[in-house]
Amino acid sequence: MNQEFDYGWKSENSSHSHNYYLPAILSMLPSPISPRGEKLKVLDLGCGNGSLTSKIAEKGFDVTGIEESESGVKIASQNYPNCSFFVGSVYELKYKEQSLENAFDIIISSDVIEHLFFPRKLIEAAKICLKPQGKLLVTTPYHGYWKNLALAMSGKLDQHFTVLWDGGHIKFFSVKTLTELLKEEGFTDIQFNFVGRLPYLWKGMLSIATINK
């Protein structure tokens, strides 16, 4: 059975979630220039149409985007010449052919992990692509006790956890479960940030962690 879903990108415009994630993402990134005066290399893993990828490149980073949807890569390549884009899946990255092994200072994956049947594969792919002591920044919708309780009491639980959205969310992370996954794969210095709504009803969370290899 095919594990992938082609989202059929049709526009180069930023998604709603990327608009509210972007300021928080930028606040968690280091300076784009290394102490040796070189641009830090960033991989946007699951870059969609490249809009977020391009905005990170505008801050001075050397950015590559990988996306399994051919339509997404086509739109990204046509509209964002300040980045490089490749077709690829976190399940089957061409590490040697695309020179991905130990190649990146930072990997960003924004609202991808919740769509994967096997989210650990994303973390494993990031480990291979990161340089020693490189950083992984993951964003995903926030879930926790108070938010889930509010959804239940407001009658929106079925809407939020809908099974009727083809290609929709199939994994629902909390701070605890995302932390456990990162630790199990050798990441340390795990830090979180949150965006949208009141505390503990947040729309999304961001985690940045360092690979210990």
N, C-alpha and C. Protein backbone atom coordinates (compact mmCIF):
# COMPACT_ATOMS: atom_id res chain seq x y z
N MET A 1 0.84 -1.21 0.00
CA MET A 1 0.00 0.00 0.00
C MET A 1 0.87 1.25 0.00
N ASN A 2 0.55 2.21 -0.83
CA ASN A 2 1.31 3.46 -0.89
C ASN A 2 1.16 4.25 0.40
N GLN A 3 2.29 4.65 0.99
CA GLN A 3 2.28 5.38 2.25
C GLN A 3 2.20 6.89 2.02
N GLU A 4 2.22 7.34 0.77
CA GLU A 4 2.35 8.75 0.46
C GLU A 4 1.04 9.30 -0.10
N PHE A 5 0.89 10.61 -0.01
CA PHE A 5 -0.32 11.28 -0.50
C PHE A 5 0.13 12.53 -1.22
N ASP A 6 -0.24 12.67 -2.48
CA ASP A 6 0.11 13.85 -3.25
C ASP A 6 -0.93 14.94 -2.99
N TYR A 7 -0.49 16.03 -2.39
CA TYR A 7 -1.42 17.09 -2.00
C TYR A 7 -1.83 17.98 -3.16
N GLY A 8 -1.21 17.78 -4.33
CA GLY A 8 -1.64 18.51 -5.52
C GLY A 8 -1.57 20.02 -5.34
N TRP A 9 -0.38 20.54 -5.04
CA TRP A 9 -0.21 21.97 -4.82
C TRP A 9 -0.58 22.74 -6.08
N LYS A 10 -1.29 23.87 -5.92
CA LYS A 10 -1.75 24.67 -7.05
C LYS A 10 -1.35 26.13 -6.95
N SER A 11 -0.78 26.54 -5.82
CA SER A 11 -0.46 27.95 -5.60
C SER A 11 0.87 28.06 -4.87
N GLU A 12 1.55 29.19 -5.11
CA GLU A 12 2.80 29.46 -4.40
C GLU A 12 2.58 30.23 -3.11
N ASN A 13 1.35 30.53 -2.76
CA ASN A 13 1.05 31.33 -1.57
C ASN A 13 1.34 30.57 -0.28
N SER A 14 1.66 31.32 0.77
CA SER A 14 1.91 30.73 2.07
C SER A 14 0.62 30.15 2.64
N SER A 15 0.75 29.04 3.35
CA SER A 15 -0.41 28.47 4.02
C SER A 15 -0.72 29.28 5.28
N HIS A 16 -1.93 29.13 5.78
CA HIS A 16 -2.34 29.84 7.00
C HIS A 16 -1.43 29.49 8.17
N SER A 17 -1.11 28.21 8.32
CA SER A 17 -0.28 27.80 9.46
C SER A 17 1.13 28.35 9.35
N HIS A 18 1.69 28.40 8.14
CA HIS A 18 3.03 28.94 7.97
C HIS A 18 3.09 30.41 8.36
N ASN A 19 2.02 31.14 8.12
CA ASN A 19 2.01 32.56 8.47
C ASN A 19 2.14 32.77 9.97
N TYR A 20 1.49 31.94 10.78
CA TYR A 20 1.62 32.16 12.22
C TYR A 20 2.80 31.41 12.82
N TYR A 21 3.35 30.43 12.11
CA TYR A 21 4.55 29.75 12.59
C TYR A 21 5.83 30.55 12.32
N LEU A 22 5.86 31.28 11.20
CA LEU A 22 7.11 31.88 10.73
C LEU A 22 7.82 32.73 11.77
N PRO A 23 7.16 33.69 12.44
CA PRO A 23 7.89 34.49 13.44
C PRO A 23 8.52 33.64 14.54
N ALA A 24 7.81 32.60 14.98
CA ALA A 24 8.35 31.73 16.03
C ALA A 24 9.52 30.92 15.51
N ILE A 25 9.42 30.43 14.27
CA ILE A 25 10.53 29.68 13.68
C ILE A 25 11.77 30.54 13.61
N LEU A 26 11.62 31.75 13.09
CA LEU A 26 12.79 32.64 12.95
C LEU A 26 13.40 32.99 14.30
N SER A 27 12.56 33.11 15.33
CA SER A 27 13.08 33.45 16.66
C SER A 27 13.89 32.32 17.27
N MET A 28 13.67 31.09 16.81
CA MET A 28 14.36 29.93 17.37
C MET A 28 15.62 29.56 16.59
N LEU A 29 15.83 30.18 15.43
CA LEU A 29 16.99 29.87 14.62
C LEU A 29 18.19 30.71 15.04
N PRO A 30 19.40 30.16 14.90
CA PRO A 30 20.61 30.94 15.20
C PRO A 30 20.90 31.94 14.08
N SER A 31 21.98 32.66 14.22
CA SER A 31 22.43 33.55 13.15
C SER A 31 22.68 32.73 11.88
N PRO A 32 22.33 33.27 10.71
CA PRO A 32 22.52 32.50 9.48
C PRO A 32 23.98 32.34 9.06
N ILE A 33 24.87 33.08 9.69
CA ILE A 33 26.29 33.02 9.33
C ILE A 33 27.07 32.34 10.45
N SER A 34 27.87 31.34 10.08
CA SER A 34 28.67 30.60 11.06
C SER A 34 29.84 31.44 11.53
N PRO A 35 30.51 31.04 12.63
CA PRO A 35 31.70 31.77 13.09
C PRO A 35 32.80 31.84 12.03
N ARG A 36 32.78 30.92 11.07
CA ARG A 36 33.78 30.94 9.99
C ARG A 36 33.35 31.81 8.82
N GLY A 37 32.21 32.47 8.95
CA GLY A 37 31.74 33.37 7.91
C GLY A 37 30.98 32.70 6.79
N GLU A 38 30.55 31.45 6.99
CA GLU A 38 29.81 30.73 5.97
C GLU A 38 28.32 30.70 6.30
N LYS A 39 27.50 30.65 5.26
CA LYS A 39 26.06 30.52 5.48
C LYS A 39 25.75 29.15 6.08
N LEU A 40 24.89 29.12 7.09
CA LEU A 40 24.43 27.84 7.61
C LEU A 40 23.53 27.18 6.57
N LYS A 41 23.66 25.85 6.45
CA LYS A 41 22.87 25.10 5.49
C LYS A 41 21.62 24.55 6.17
N VAL A 42 20.47 24.83 5.57
CA VAL A 42 19.18 24.42 6.13
C VAL A 42 18.46 23.52 5.14
N LEU A 43 17.86 22.45 5.65
CA LEU A 43 17.00 21.59 4.85
C LEU A 43 15.57 21.71 5.34
N ASP A 44 14.67 22.06 4.44
CA ASP A 44 13.24 22.09 4.75
C ASP A 44 12.66 20.76 4.29
N LEU A 45 12.39 19.88 5.23
CA LEU A 45 11.99 18.50 4.93
C LEU A 45 10.47 18.41 4.89
N GLY A 46 9.95 18.25 3.67
CA GLY A 46 8.50 18.33 3.47
C GLY A 46 8.10 19.77 3.23
N CYS A 47 8.72 20.40 2.22
CA CYS A 47 8.65 21.86 2.05
C CYS A 47 7.38 22.33 1.35
N GLY A 48 6.54 21.41 0.88
CA GLY A 48 5.31 21.84 0.22
C GLY A 48 5.60 22.66 -1.03
N ASN A 49 5.00 23.84 -1.12
CA ASN A 49 5.18 24.70 -2.29
C ASN A 49 6.37 25.64 -2.18
N GLY A 50 7.16 25.51 -1.11
CA GLY A 50 8.40 26.27 -0.99
C GLY A 50 8.27 27.66 -0.41
N SER A 51 7.07 28.09 -0.04
CA SER A 51 6.90 29.46 0.44
C SER A 51 7.64 29.70 1.75
N LEU A 52 7.53 28.78 2.69
CA LEU A 52 8.26 28.92 3.96
C LEU A 52 9.75 28.79 3.74
N THR A 53 10.14 27.87 2.87
CA THR A 53 11.55 27.67 2.53
C THR A 53 12.19 28.97 2.07
N SER A 54 11.49 29.66 1.18
CA SER A 54 12.00 30.91 0.62
C SER A 54 12.15 32.00 1.69
N LYS A 55 11.18 32.08 2.59
CA LYS A 55 11.25 33.11 3.63
C LYS A 55 12.44 32.88 4.57
N ILE A 56 12.79 31.63 4.80
CA ILE A 56 13.97 31.34 5.62
C ILE A 56 15.24 31.71 4.86
N ALA A 57 15.26 31.44 3.55
CA ALA A 57 16.41 31.82 2.73
C ALA A 57 16.60 33.33 2.70
N GLU A 58 15.50 34.08 2.73
CA GLU A 58 15.59 35.54 2.73
C GLU A 58 16.33 36.08 3.95
N LYS A 59 16.40 35.31 5.01
CA LYS A 59 17.11 35.72 6.23
C LYS A 59 18.61 35.44 6.16
N GLY A 60 19.07 34.85 5.05
CA GLY A 60 20.50 34.67 4.86
C GLY A 60 20.99 33.24 4.94
N PHE A 61 20.10 32.28 5.11
CA PHE A 61 20.49 30.88 5.16
C PHE A 61 20.60 30.30 3.74
N ASP A 62 21.41 29.25 3.60
CA ASP A 62 21.51 28.48 2.36
C ASP A 62 20.51 27.33 2.48
N VAL A 63 19.39 27.40 1.76
CA VAL A 63 18.26 26.51 2.04
C VAL A 63 17.95 25.59 0.86
N THR A 64 17.74 24.33 1.19
CA THR A 64 17.28 23.32 0.25
C THR A 64 15.93 22.79 0.73
N GLY A 65 15.01 22.57 -0.20
CA GLY A 65 13.71 22.01 0.14
C GLY A 65 13.51 20.66 -0.52
N ILE A 66 12.96 19.71 0.23
CA ILE A 66 12.60 18.41 -0.31
C ILE A 66 11.12 18.18 -0.07
N GLU A 67 10.44 17.73 -1.10
CA GLU A 67 8.98 17.55 -1.03
C GLU A 67 8.60 16.36 -1.90
N GLU A 68 7.73 15.48 -1.40
CA GLU A 68 7.34 14.30 -2.17
C GLU A 68 6.37 14.62 -3.30
N SER A 69 5.66 15.73 -3.20
CA SER A 69 4.69 16.11 -4.22
C SER A 69 5.39 16.80 -5.39
N GLU A 70 5.28 16.21 -6.58
CA GLU A 70 5.91 16.80 -7.75
C GLU A 70 5.32 18.17 -8.07
N SER A 71 4.02 18.34 -7.83
CA SER A 71 3.40 19.64 -8.10
C SER A 71 3.97 20.70 -7.16
N GLY A 72 4.23 20.33 -5.90
CA GLY A 72 4.82 21.27 -4.96
C GLY A 72 6.21 21.70 -5.38
N VAL A 73 7.04 20.75 -5.80
CA VAL A 73 8.40 21.07 -6.22
C VAL A 73 8.40 21.91 -7.49
N LYS A 74 7.48 21.63 -8.40
CA LYS A 74 7.39 22.42 -9.63
C LYS A 74 7.06 23.87 -9.31
N ILE A 75 6.07 24.09 -8.46
CA ILE A 75 5.69 25.46 -8.07
C ILE A 75 6.84 26.14 -7.34
N ALA A 76 7.47 25.42 -6.42
CA ALA A 76 8.58 26.00 -5.65
C ALA A 76 9.73 26.41 -6.56
N SER A 77 10.11 25.54 -7.49
CA SER A 77 11.23 25.83 -8.38
C SER A 77 10.94 27.02 -9.29
N GLN A 78 9.68 27.17 -9.69
CA GLN A 78 9.30 28.27 -10.59
C GLN A 78 9.22 29.61 -9.88
N ASN A 79 8.92 29.60 -8.59
CA ASN A 79 8.63 30.85 -7.88
C ASN A 79 9.69 31.28 -6.88
N TYR A 80 10.56 30.38 -6.46
CA TYR A 80 11.52 30.72 -5.40
C TYR A 80 12.93 30.33 -5.81
N PRO A 81 13.56 31.14 -6.68
CA PRO A 81 14.90 30.82 -7.18
C PRO A 81 16.00 30.97 -6.14
N ASN A 82 15.68 31.49 -4.95
CA ASN A 82 16.70 31.65 -3.91
C ASN A 82 16.94 30.36 -3.13
N CYS A 83 16.27 29.26 -3.54
CA CYS A 83 16.44 27.96 -2.88
C CYS A 83 16.61 26.87 -3.93
N SER A 84 17.08 25.70 -3.48
CA SER A 84 17.13 24.51 -4.34
C SER A 84 16.05 23.55 -3.89
N PHE A 85 15.41 22.88 -4.84
CA PHE A 85 14.30 21.98 -4.50
C PHE A 85 14.47 20.64 -5.20
N PHE A 86 14.11 19.57 -4.46
CA PHE A 86 14.16 18.22 -5.00
C PHE A 86 12.88 17.47 -4.63
N VAL A 87 12.49 16.53 -5.48
CA VAL A 87 11.41 15.61 -5.14
C VAL A 87 11.99 14.49 -4.29
N GLY A 88 11.35 14.21 -3.17
CA GLY A 88 11.82 13.14 -2.30
C GLY A 88 10.86 12.89 -1.16
N SER A 89 10.89 11.69 -0.62
CA SER A 89 10.04 11.30 0.50
C SER A 89 10.90 10.98 1.71
N VAL A 90 10.42 11.31 2.90
CA VAL A 90 11.17 10.98 4.12
C VAL A 90 11.34 9.48 4.26
N TYR A 91 10.50 8.70 3.61
CA TYR A 91 10.61 7.25 3.67
C TYR A 91 11.72 6.71 2.78
N GLU A 92 12.07 7.46 1.73
CA GLU A 92 13.04 6.96 0.75
C GLU A 92 13.92 8.08 0.21
N LEU A 93 14.62 8.78 1.07
CA LEU A 93 15.50 9.86 0.62
C LEU A 93 16.72 9.28 -0.11
N LYS A 94 17.16 9.99 -1.15
CA LYS A 94 18.34 9.58 -1.90
C LYS A 94 19.55 10.29 -1.30
N TYR A 95 20.03 9.75 -0.19
CA TYR A 95 21.06 10.44 0.60
C TYR A 95 22.33 10.69 -0.19
N LYS A 96 22.83 9.69 -0.88
CA LYS A 96 24.10 9.84 -1.59
C LYS A 96 23.92 10.60 -2.89
N GLU A 97 22.87 10.25 -3.66
CA GLU A 97 22.67 10.90 -4.96
C GLU A 97 22.45 12.41 -4.82
N GLN A 98 21.79 12.83 -3.75
CA GLN A 98 21.49 14.25 -3.55
C GLN A 98 22.40 14.89 -2.50
N SER A 99 23.46 14.18 -2.11
CA SER A 99 24.47 14.70 -1.16
C SER A 99 23.82 15.22 0.12
N LEU A 100 23.03 14.37 0.75
CA LEU A 100 22.28 14.78 1.94
C LEU A 100 22.93 14.35 3.25
N GLU A 101 23.79 13.36 3.24
CA GLU A 101 24.35 12.82 4.48
C GLU A 101 25.26 13.83 5.17
N ASN A 102 25.01 14.07 6.45
CA ASN A 102 25.85 14.97 7.26
C ASN A 102 26.07 16.32 6.57
N ALA A 103 25.04 16.83 5.91
CA ALA A 103 25.21 18.01 5.05
C ALA A 103 24.61 19.29 5.61
N PHE A 104 23.77 19.20 6.64
CA PHE A 104 22.99 20.37 7.05
C PHE A 104 23.21 20.73 8.52
N ASP A 105 23.26 22.03 8.76
CA ASP A 105 23.37 22.55 10.13
C ASP A 105 22.02 22.52 10.84
N ILE A 106 20.96 22.72 10.07
CA ILE A 106 19.60 22.81 10.63
C ILE A 106 18.63 22.10 9.68
N ILE A 107 17.70 21.36 10.25
CA ILE A 107 16.59 20.81 9.47
C ILE A 107 15.30 21.34 10.06
N ILE A 108 14.44 21.83 9.18
CA ILE A 108 13.11 22.30 9.57
C ILE A 108 12.07 21.39 8.91
N SER A 109 11.08 20.99 9.67
CA SER A 109 9.97 20.22 9.12
C SER A 109 8.69 20.77 9.73
N SER A 110 7.95 21.52 8.94
CA SER A 110 6.81 22.26 9.46
C SER A 110 5.49 21.58 9.10
N ASP A 111 4.80 21.12 10.13
CA ASP A 111 3.48 20.48 9.99
C ASP A 111 3.50 19.34 8.98
N VAL A 112 4.50 18.49 9.12
CA VAL A 112 4.63 17.29 8.29
C VAL A 112 4.42 16.03 9.12
N ILE A 113 5.00 16.00 10.31
CA ILE A 113 5.08 14.77 11.09
C ILE A 113 3.70 14.20 11.43
N GLU A 114 2.71 15.06 11.57
CA GLU A 114 1.36 14.59 11.93
C GLU A 114 0.64 13.90 10.77
N HIS A 115 1.21 13.99 9.56
CA HIS A 115 0.62 13.35 8.39
C HIS A 115 1.23 11.97 8.10
N LEU A 116 2.22 11.56 8.87
CA LEU A 116 2.98 10.36 8.55
C LEU A 116 2.49 9.14 9.33
N PHE A 117 2.34 8.02 8.63
CA PHE A 117 2.04 6.76 9.31
C PHE A 117 3.20 6.35 10.22
N PHE A 118 4.42 6.68 9.79
CA PHE A 118 5.62 6.30 10.54
C PHE A 118 6.45 7.55 10.84
N PRO A 119 6.04 8.36 11.81
CA PRO A 119 6.72 9.63 12.08
C PRO A 119 8.18 9.46 12.50
N ARG A 120 8.51 8.31 13.06
CA ARG A 120 9.91 8.08 13.45
C ARG A 120 10.84 8.14 12.23
N LYS A 121 10.31 7.80 11.06
CA LYS A 121 11.12 7.84 9.84
C LYS A 121 11.61 9.26 9.55
N LEU A 122 10.80 10.25 9.86
CA LEU A 122 11.23 11.64 9.66
C LEU A 122 12.40 11.97 10.57
N ILE A 123 12.31 11.56 11.83
CA ILE A 123 13.38 11.85 12.78
C ILE A 123 14.65 11.11 12.38
N GLU A 124 14.52 9.87 11.94
CA GLU A 124 15.68 9.09 11.49
C GLU A 124 16.32 9.72 10.27
N ALA A 125 15.51 10.21 9.33
CA ALA A 125 16.05 10.88 8.15
C ALA A 125 16.80 12.14 8.53
N ALA A 126 16.25 12.89 9.48
CA ALA A 126 16.92 14.11 9.95
C ALA A 126 18.27 13.80 10.56
N LYS A 127 18.36 12.71 11.32
CA LYS A 127 19.63 12.32 11.93
C LYS A 127 20.70 12.08 10.88
N ILE A 128 20.33 11.44 9.79
CA ILE A 128 21.29 11.14 8.73
C ILE A 128 21.74 12.42 8.03
N CYS A 129 20.82 13.35 7.82
CA CYS A 129 21.13 14.56 7.06
C CYS A 129 21.85 15.63 7.88
N LEU A 130 21.69 15.61 9.18
CA LEU A 130 22.30 16.64 10.02
C LEU A 130 23.79 16.41 10.24
N LYS A 131 24.52 17.51 10.32
CA LYS A 131 25.91 17.46 10.77
C LYS A 131 25.93 17.16 12.27
N PRO A 132 27.06 16.69 12.80
CA PRO A 132 27.15 16.51 14.26
C PRO A 132 26.78 17.80 14.99
N GLN A 133 25.97 17.68 16.01
CA GLN A 133 25.47 18.80 16.80
C GLN A 133 24.53 19.71 16.00
N GLY A 134 24.02 19.20 14.89
CA GLY A 134 23.03 19.95 14.13
C GLY A 134 21.70 20.01 14.85
N LYS A 135 20.82 20.88 14.38
CA LYS A 135 19.55 21.12 15.07
C LYS A 135 18.36 20.75 14.18
N LEU A 136 17.36 20.15 14.80
CA LEU A 136 16.11 19.80 14.14
C LEU A 136 14.99 20.63 14.75
N LEU A 137 14.25 21.34 13.89
CA LEU A 137 13.11 22.15 14.33
C LEU A 137 11.85 21.56 13.69
N VAL A 138 10.95 21.07 14.53
CA VAL A 138 9.71 20.44 14.08
C VAL A 138 8.53 21.27 14.57
N THR A 139 7.57 21.51 13.69
CA THR A 139 6.30 22.10 14.13
C THR A 139 5.19 21.10 13.90
N THR A 140 4.19 21.14 14.77
CA THR A 140 3.04 20.25 14.65
C THR A 140 1.91 20.82 15.50
N PRO A 141 0.66 20.52 15.18
CA PRO A 141 -0.43 21.00 16.04
C PRO A 141 -0.25 20.55 17.49
N TYR A 142 -0.57 21.44 18.41
CA TYR A 142 -0.44 21.15 19.84
C TYR A 142 -1.64 20.36 20.34
N HIS A 143 -1.37 19.39 21.20
CA HIS A 143 -2.43 18.66 21.90
C HIS A 143 -2.03 18.48 23.36
N GLY A 144 -3.00 18.64 24.22
CA GLY A 144 -2.79 18.48 25.66
C GLY A 144 -4.13 18.38 26.36
N TYR A 145 -4.10 18.13 27.65
CA TYR A 145 -5.32 17.85 28.42
C TYR A 145 -6.35 18.96 28.28
N TRP A 146 -5.95 20.22 28.53
CA TRP A 146 -6.92 21.31 28.55
C TRP A 146 -7.49 21.59 27.16
N LYS A 147 -6.67 21.48 26.14
CA LYS A 147 -7.18 21.69 24.78
C LYS A 147 -8.15 20.58 24.40
N ASN A 148 -7.79 19.34 24.70
CA ASN A 148 -8.68 18.22 24.37
C ASN A 148 -10.00 18.32 25.14
N LEU A 149 -9.90 18.76 26.40
CA LEU A 149 -11.12 18.93 27.20
C LEU A 149 -12.01 20.02 26.61
N ALA A 150 -11.38 21.12 26.19
CA ALA A 150 -12.15 22.22 25.58
C ALA A 150 -12.82 21.77 24.28
N LEU A 151 -12.12 20.97 23.49
CA LEU A 151 -12.72 20.45 22.26
C LEU A 151 -13.92 19.56 22.56
N ALA A 152 -13.78 18.72 23.58
CA ALA A 152 -14.88 17.82 23.94
C ALA A 152 -16.09 18.60 24.45
N MET A 153 -15.84 19.59 25.33
CA MET A 153 -16.94 20.34 25.93
C MET A 153 -17.64 21.24 24.93
N SER A 154 -16.92 21.66 23.89
CA SER A 154 -17.51 22.54 22.88
C SER A 154 -18.14 21.77 21.72
N GLY A 155 -18.07 20.44 21.79
CA GLY A 155 -18.66 19.62 20.73
C GLY A 155 -17.87 19.60 19.44
N LYS A 156 -16.58 19.95 19.51
CA LYS A 156 -15.76 20.03 18.30
C LYS A 156 -14.75 18.89 18.19
N LEU A 157 -14.88 17.88 19.03
CA LEU A 157 -13.91 16.79 19.03
C LEU A 157 -13.91 16.03 17.71
N ASP A 158 -15.10 15.69 17.21
CA ASP A 158 -15.18 14.96 15.94
C ASP A 158 -14.63 15.78 14.78
N GLN A 159 -14.90 17.07 14.80
CA GLN A 159 -14.38 17.94 13.74
C GLN A 159 -12.86 18.00 13.79
N HIS A 160 -12.30 18.12 14.99
CA HIS A 160 -10.85 18.25 15.12
C HIS A 160 -10.13 16.96 14.75
N PHE A 161 -10.66 15.84 15.19
CA PHE A 161 -10.03 14.54 14.93
C PHE A 161 -10.71 13.82 13.76
N THR A 162 -11.18 14.57 12.79
CA THR A 162 -11.97 13.99 11.71
C THR A 162 -11.21 12.90 10.95
N VAL A 163 -11.94 11.87 10.55
CA VAL A 163 -11.37 10.83 9.70
C VAL A 163 -11.79 11.05 8.24
N LEU A 164 -12.47 12.13 7.97
CA LEU A 164 -13.04 12.38 6.65
C LEU A 164 -12.16 13.27 5.78
N TRP A 165 -11.01 13.69 6.29
CA TRP A 165 -10.07 14.53 5.54
C TRP A 165 -9.00 13.64 4.92
N ASP A 166 -9.12 13.36 3.63
CA ASP A 166 -8.11 12.55 2.95
C ASP A 166 -6.76 13.26 2.99
N GLY A 167 -5.74 12.54 3.45
CA GLY A 167 -4.43 13.14 3.59
C GLY A 167 -4.27 13.99 4.83
N GLY A 168 -5.22 13.91 5.74
CA GLY A 168 -5.20 14.76 6.93
C GLY A 168 -4.31 14.24 8.04
N HIS A 169 -4.52 14.76 9.23
CA HIS A 169 -3.68 14.41 10.38
C HIS A 169 -4.01 13.01 10.87
N ILE A 170 -2.97 12.21 11.07
CA ILE A 170 -3.17 10.86 11.58
C ILE A 170 -2.39 10.60 12.86
N LYS A 171 -1.51 11.53 13.25
CA LYS A 171 -0.79 11.45 14.51
C LYS A 171 -1.00 12.76 15.26
N PHE A 172 -1.25 12.66 16.56
CA PHE A 172 -1.58 13.84 17.36
C PHE A 172 -0.62 13.91 18.54
N PHE A 173 0.36 14.83 18.44
CA PHE A 173 1.45 14.88 19.40
C PHE A 173 1.16 15.83 20.56
N SER A 174 1.67 15.45 21.72
CA SER A 174 1.74 16.33 22.89
C SER A 174 3.21 16.65 23.11
N VAL A 175 3.48 17.56 24.04
CA VAL A 175 4.87 17.86 24.39
C VAL A 175 5.57 16.58 24.85
N LYS A 176 4.88 15.79 25.65
CA LYS A 176 5.47 14.56 26.20
C LYS A 176 5.83 13.56 25.11
N THR A 177 4.90 13.31 24.19
CA THR A 177 5.16 12.28 23.18
C THR A 177 6.21 12.72 22.17
N LEU A 178 6.22 13.99 21.78
CA LEU A 178 7.24 14.46 20.86
C LEU A 178 8.61 14.45 21.53
N THR A 179 8.65 14.82 22.80
CA THR A 179 9.90 14.77 23.55
C THR A 179 10.44 13.34 23.62
N GLU A 180 9.57 12.39 23.91
CA GLU A 180 9.99 10.99 24.00
C GLU A 180 10.56 10.50 22.67
N LEU A 181 9.90 10.84 21.57
CA LEU A 181 10.37 10.42 20.26
C LEU A 181 11.75 10.99 19.96
N LEU A 182 11.95 12.27 20.23
CA LEU A 182 13.24 12.90 19.98
C LEU A 182 14.34 12.31 20.85
N LYS A 183 14.05 12.08 22.11
CA LYS A 183 15.05 11.49 23.01
C LYS A 183 15.43 10.08 22.58
N GLU A 184 14.45 9.30 22.18
CA GLU A 184 14.71 7.93 21.74
C GLU A 184 15.63 7.88 20.53
N GLU A 185 15.63 8.94 19.72
CA GLU A 185 16.46 8.99 18.52
C GLU A 185 17.75 9.76 18.73
N GLY A 186 18.09 10.06 19.99
CA GLY A 186 19.39 10.64 20.28
C GLY A 186 19.46 12.15 20.29
N PHE A 187 18.32 12.83 20.32
CA PHE A 187 18.32 14.29 20.37
C PHE A 187 18.31 14.77 21.82
N THR A 188 19.01 15.87 22.05
CA THR A 188 19.11 16.45 23.39
C THR A 188 18.80 17.94 23.33
N ASP A 189 18.85 18.59 24.49
CA ASP A 189 18.60 20.04 24.59
C ASP A 189 17.29 20.40 23.89
N ILE A 190 16.23 19.69 24.23
CA ILE A 190 14.93 19.85 23.57
C ILE A 190 14.19 21.04 24.18
N GLN A 191 13.82 21.99 23.32
CA GLN A 191 13.12 23.19 23.78
C GLN A 191 11.83 23.37 22.97
N PHE A 192 10.81 23.97 23.60
CA PHE A 192 9.52 24.15 22.95
C PHE A 192 9.12 25.62 22.93
N ASN A 193 8.33 25.95 21.92
CA ASN A 193 7.67 27.24 21.80
C ASN A 193 6.25 26.95 21.32
N PHE A 194 5.34 27.90 21.52
CA PHE A 194 3.94 27.66 21.19
C PHE A 194 3.35 28.87 20.49
N VAL A 195 2.38 28.63 19.59
CA VAL A 195 1.79 29.72 18.82
C VAL A 195 0.27 29.57 18.77
N GLY A 196 -0.41 30.70 18.68
CA GLY A 196 -1.85 30.71 18.47
C GLY A 196 -2.66 30.49 19.73
N ARG A 197 -3.65 31.32 19.94
CA ARG A 197 -4.63 31.20 21.01
C ARG A 197 -4.01 31.42 22.40
N LEU A 198 -4.84 31.13 23.42
CA LEU A 198 -4.44 31.28 24.81
C LEU A 198 -3.53 30.13 25.22
N PRO A 199 -2.75 30.31 26.30
CA PRO A 199 -1.91 29.22 26.79
C PRO A 199 -2.72 27.95 27.04
N TYR A 200 -2.13 26.83 26.63
CA TYR A 200 -2.69 25.48 26.78
C TYR A 200 -3.89 25.20 25.86
N LEU A 201 -4.27 26.21 25.07
CA LEU A 201 -5.22 25.99 23.98
C LEU A 201 -4.53 26.29 22.64
N TRP A 202 -3.21 26.28 22.66
CA TRP A 202 -2.41 26.68 21.50
C TRP A 202 -2.81 25.94 20.23
N LYS A 203 -2.65 26.63 19.10
CA LYS A 203 -2.84 25.97 17.81
C LYS A 203 -1.69 25.02 17.51
N GLY A 204 -0.47 25.52 17.70
CA GLY A 204 0.68 24.71 17.30
C GLY A 204 1.83 24.82 18.27
N MET A 205 2.74 23.85 18.17
CA MET A 205 3.95 23.88 18.98
C MET A 205 5.16 23.66 18.09
N LEU A 206 6.27 24.23 18.53
CA LEU A 206 7.54 24.10 17.83
C LEU A 206 8.54 23.49 18.79
N SER A 207 9.30 22.54 18.31
CA SER A 207 10.35 21.93 19.12
C SER A 207 11.67 22.04 18.37
N ILE A 208 12.72 22.47 19.06
CA ILE A 208 14.05 22.48 18.48
C ILE A 208 14.96 21.64 19.37
N ALA A 209 15.75 20.78 18.75
CA ALA A 209 16.58 19.84 19.50
C ALA A 209 17.91 19.64 18.77
N THR A 210 18.92 19.21 19.51
CA THR A 210 20.27 19.00 18.98
C THR A 210 20.56 17.52 18.87
N ILE A 211 21.13 17.10 17.73
CA ILE A 211 21.46 15.69 17.56
C ILE A 211 22.80 15.41 18.23
N ASN A 212 22.83 14.37 19.02
CA ASN A 212 24.03 13.98 19.75
C ASN A 212 24.71 12.84 18.99
N LYS A 213 25.53 13.22 17.99
CA LYS A 213 26.25 12.20 17.23
C LYS A 213 27.64 12.69 16.89
